[in-house]
């Protein structure tokens, strides 16, 4: 996920969270933000691994 998209998503989730009165809803929105951040990190790591494998002359 691109940084600006992730930032937008996280800001939207925080805004929604601040409008909630239910603890359950706040918790769900908070965890959704954590999941999105973790997913973005894993996508970045996978892209880096793919780039590394493609440019490894020993694997050609």
N, C-alpha and C. Protein backbone atom coordinates (compact mmCIF):
# COMPACT_ATOMS: atom_id res chain seq x y z
N UNK A 1 0.85 -1.16 0.00
CA UNK A 1 0.00 0.00 0.00
C UNK A 1 0.90 1.23 0.00
N UNK A 2 0.58 2.18 -0.85
CA UNK A 2 1.40 3.39 -0.92
C UNK A 2 1.27 4.17 0.37
N UNK A 3 2.32 4.92 0.68
CA UNK A 3 2.35 5.68 1.93
C UNK A 3 1.19 6.66 2.06
N UNK A 4 0.87 7.35 0.97
CA UNK A 4 -0.22 8.34 1.06
C UNK A 4 -1.57 7.66 1.22
N UNK A 5 -1.74 6.50 0.58
CA UNK A 5 -3.00 5.77 0.75
C UNK A 5 -3.13 5.25 2.17
N UNK A 6 -2.04 4.73 2.71
CA UNK A 6 -2.05 4.23 4.08
C UNK A 6 -2.32 5.38 5.05
N UNK A 7 -1.69 6.50 4.85
CA UNK A 7 -1.90 7.66 5.72
C UNK A 7 -3.36 8.10 5.67
N UNK A 8 -3.94 8.13 4.47
CA UNK A 8 -5.35 8.50 4.33
C UNK A 8 -6.24 7.52 5.07
N UNK A 9 -5.99 6.23 4.88
CA UNK A 9 -6.80 5.20 5.53
C UNK A 9 -6.70 5.33 7.05
N UNK A 10 -5.49 5.49 7.57
CA UNK A 10 -5.31 5.61 9.01
C UNK A 10 -6.00 6.85 9.56
N UNK A 11 -5.96 7.95 8.81
CA UNK A 11 -6.64 9.16 9.28
C UNK A 11 -8.15 8.98 9.28
N UNK A 12 -8.67 8.28 8.28
CA UNK A 12 -10.11 8.01 8.23
C UNK A 12 -10.55 7.12 9.39
N UNK A 13 -9.74 6.10 9.66
CA UNK A 13 -10.06 5.20 10.76
C UNK A 13 -10.02 5.92 12.10
N UNK A 14 -9.03 6.81 12.28
CA UNK A 14 -8.95 7.57 13.54
C UNK A 14 -10.15 8.50 13.69
N UNK A 15 -10.54 9.11 12.59
CA UNK A 15 -11.70 10.00 12.64
C UNK A 15 -12.96 9.22 13.01
N UNK A 16 -13.15 8.08 12.37
CA UNK A 16 -14.31 7.23 12.70
C UNK A 16 -14.25 6.77 14.14
N UNK A 17 -13.06 6.39 14.59
CA UNK A 17 -12.89 5.92 15.96
C UNK A 17 -13.28 7.01 16.96
N UNK A 18 -12.89 8.25 16.68
CA UNK A 18 -13.20 9.35 17.60
C UNK A 18 -14.70 9.63 17.66
N UNK A 19 -15.45 9.23 16.64
CA UNK A 19 -16.89 9.47 16.61
C UNK A 19 -17.69 8.35 17.29
N UNK A 20 -17.03 7.26 17.61
CA UNK A 20 -17.73 6.11 18.18
C UNK A 20 -17.89 6.28 19.69
N UNK A 21 -19.00 5.74 20.19
CA UNK A 21 -19.21 5.71 21.64
C UNK A 21 -19.02 4.30 22.17
N UNK A 22 -19.16 3.32 21.30
CA UNK A 22 -19.02 1.93 21.71
C UNK A 22 -17.54 1.53 21.77
N UNK A 23 -17.15 0.94 22.89
CA UNK A 23 -15.78 0.47 23.05
C UNK A 23 -15.46 -0.59 21.99
N UNK A 24 -16.41 -1.46 21.68
CA UNK A 24 -16.19 -2.52 20.70
C UNK A 24 -15.89 -1.92 19.33
N UNK A 25 -16.68 -0.95 18.92
CA UNK A 25 -16.45 -0.31 17.62
C UNK A 25 -15.11 0.40 17.57
N UNK A 26 -14.76 1.09 18.68
CA UNK A 26 -13.46 1.76 18.73
C UNK A 26 -12.32 0.75 18.61
N UNK A 27 -12.46 -0.37 19.29
CA UNK A 27 -11.43 -1.41 19.24
C UNK A 27 -11.28 -1.99 17.84
N UNK A 28 -12.39 -2.23 17.18
CA UNK A 28 -12.36 -2.77 15.82
C UNK A 28 -11.66 -1.81 14.88
N UNK A 29 -11.99 -0.54 14.96
CA UNK A 29 -11.37 0.46 14.08
C UNK A 29 -9.87 0.60 14.38
N UNK A 30 -9.50 0.55 15.65
CA UNK A 30 -8.08 0.65 16.03
C UNK A 30 -7.31 -0.55 15.47
N UNK A 31 -7.88 -1.74 15.61
CA UNK A 31 -7.21 -2.94 15.10
C UNK A 31 -7.15 -2.95 13.58
N UNK A 32 -8.16 -2.40 12.93
CA UNK A 32 -8.13 -2.31 11.46
C UNK A 32 -6.94 -1.45 11.02
N UNK A 33 -6.67 -0.39 11.74
CA UNK A 33 -5.51 0.45 11.43
C UNK A 33 -4.20 -0.29 11.63
N UNK A 34 -4.11 -1.07 12.71
CA UNK A 34 -2.90 -1.85 12.96
C UNK A 34 -2.70 -2.91 11.87
N UNK A 35 -3.79 -3.53 11.46
CA UNK A 35 -3.70 -4.55 10.40
C UNK A 35 -3.25 -3.92 9.10
N UNK A 36 -3.80 -2.75 8.76
CA UNK A 36 -3.41 -2.07 7.51
C UNK A 36 -1.93 -1.70 7.53
N UNK A 37 -1.45 -1.23 8.67
CA UNK A 37 -0.03 -0.87 8.79
C UNK A 37 0.86 -2.10 8.64
N UNK A 38 0.48 -3.18 9.28
CA UNK A 38 1.26 -4.42 9.20
C UNK A 38 1.25 -4.97 7.77
N UNK A 39 0.10 -4.91 7.12
CA UNK A 39 -0.01 -5.40 5.75
C UNK A 39 0.88 -4.57 4.82
N UNK A 40 0.89 -3.27 5.02
CA UNK A 40 1.74 -2.40 4.20
C UNK A 40 3.21 -2.76 4.39
N UNK A 41 3.60 -3.00 5.64
CA UNK A 41 4.99 -3.38 5.94
C UNK A 41 5.35 -4.70 5.26
N UNK A 42 4.45 -5.67 5.32
CA UNK A 42 4.73 -6.97 4.70
C UNK A 42 4.79 -6.88 3.18
N UNK A 43 3.96 -6.05 2.59
CA UNK A 43 4.01 -5.86 1.14
C UNK A 43 5.36 -5.26 0.75
N UNK A 44 5.82 -4.28 1.50
CA UNK A 44 7.12 -3.66 1.22
C UNK A 44 8.25 -4.68 1.34
N UNK A 45 8.19 -5.52 2.36
CA UNK A 45 9.22 -6.55 2.55
C UNK A 45 9.19 -7.55 1.40
N UNK A 46 8.00 -7.96 0.97
CA UNK A 46 7.88 -8.92 -0.13
C UNK A 46 8.42 -8.33 -1.43
N UNK A 47 8.13 -7.06 -1.66
CA UNK A 47 8.66 -6.40 -2.86
C UNK A 47 10.18 -6.36 -2.83
N UNK A 48 10.73 -6.06 -1.67
CA UNK A 48 12.19 -6.04 -1.54
C UNK A 48 12.80 -7.41 -1.76
N UNK A 49 12.16 -8.43 -1.24
CA UNK A 49 12.65 -9.80 -1.44
C UNK A 49 12.59 -10.19 -2.90
N UNK A 50 11.51 -9.84 -3.56
CA UNK A 50 11.36 -10.14 -4.98
C UNK A 50 12.44 -9.44 -5.80
N UNK A 51 12.68 -8.17 -5.51
CA UNK A 51 13.74 -7.43 -6.21
C UNK A 51 15.09 -8.08 -5.98
N UNK A 52 15.35 -8.47 -4.73
CA UNK A 52 16.62 -9.11 -4.42
C UNK A 52 16.81 -10.43 -5.14
N UNK A 53 15.76 -11.21 -5.23
CA UNK A 53 15.86 -12.50 -5.94
C UNK A 53 16.02 -12.31 -7.44
N UNK A 54 15.36 -11.31 -7.99
CA UNK A 54 15.45 -11.09 -9.44
C UNK A 54 16.85 -10.64 -9.85
N UNK A 55 17.53 -9.88 -8.99
CA UNK A 55 18.83 -9.34 -9.34
C UNK A 55 19.98 -10.11 -8.74
N UNK A 56 19.74 -11.30 -8.27
CA UNK A 56 20.79 -12.14 -7.72
C UNK A 56 21.40 -12.96 -8.86
N UNK A 57 22.63 -12.62 -9.30
CA UNK A 57 23.23 -13.33 -10.43
C UNK A 57 23.41 -14.84 -10.17
N UNK A 58 23.51 -15.25 -8.94
CA UNK A 58 23.66 -16.67 -8.63
C UNK A 58 22.40 -17.46 -8.94
N UNK A 59 21.28 -16.80 -9.06
CA UNK A 59 20.02 -17.50 -9.35
C UNK A 59 19.62 -17.40 -10.81
N UNK A 60 20.49 -16.82 -11.66
CA UNK A 60 20.16 -16.69 -13.08
C UNK A 60 20.41 -17.97 -13.80
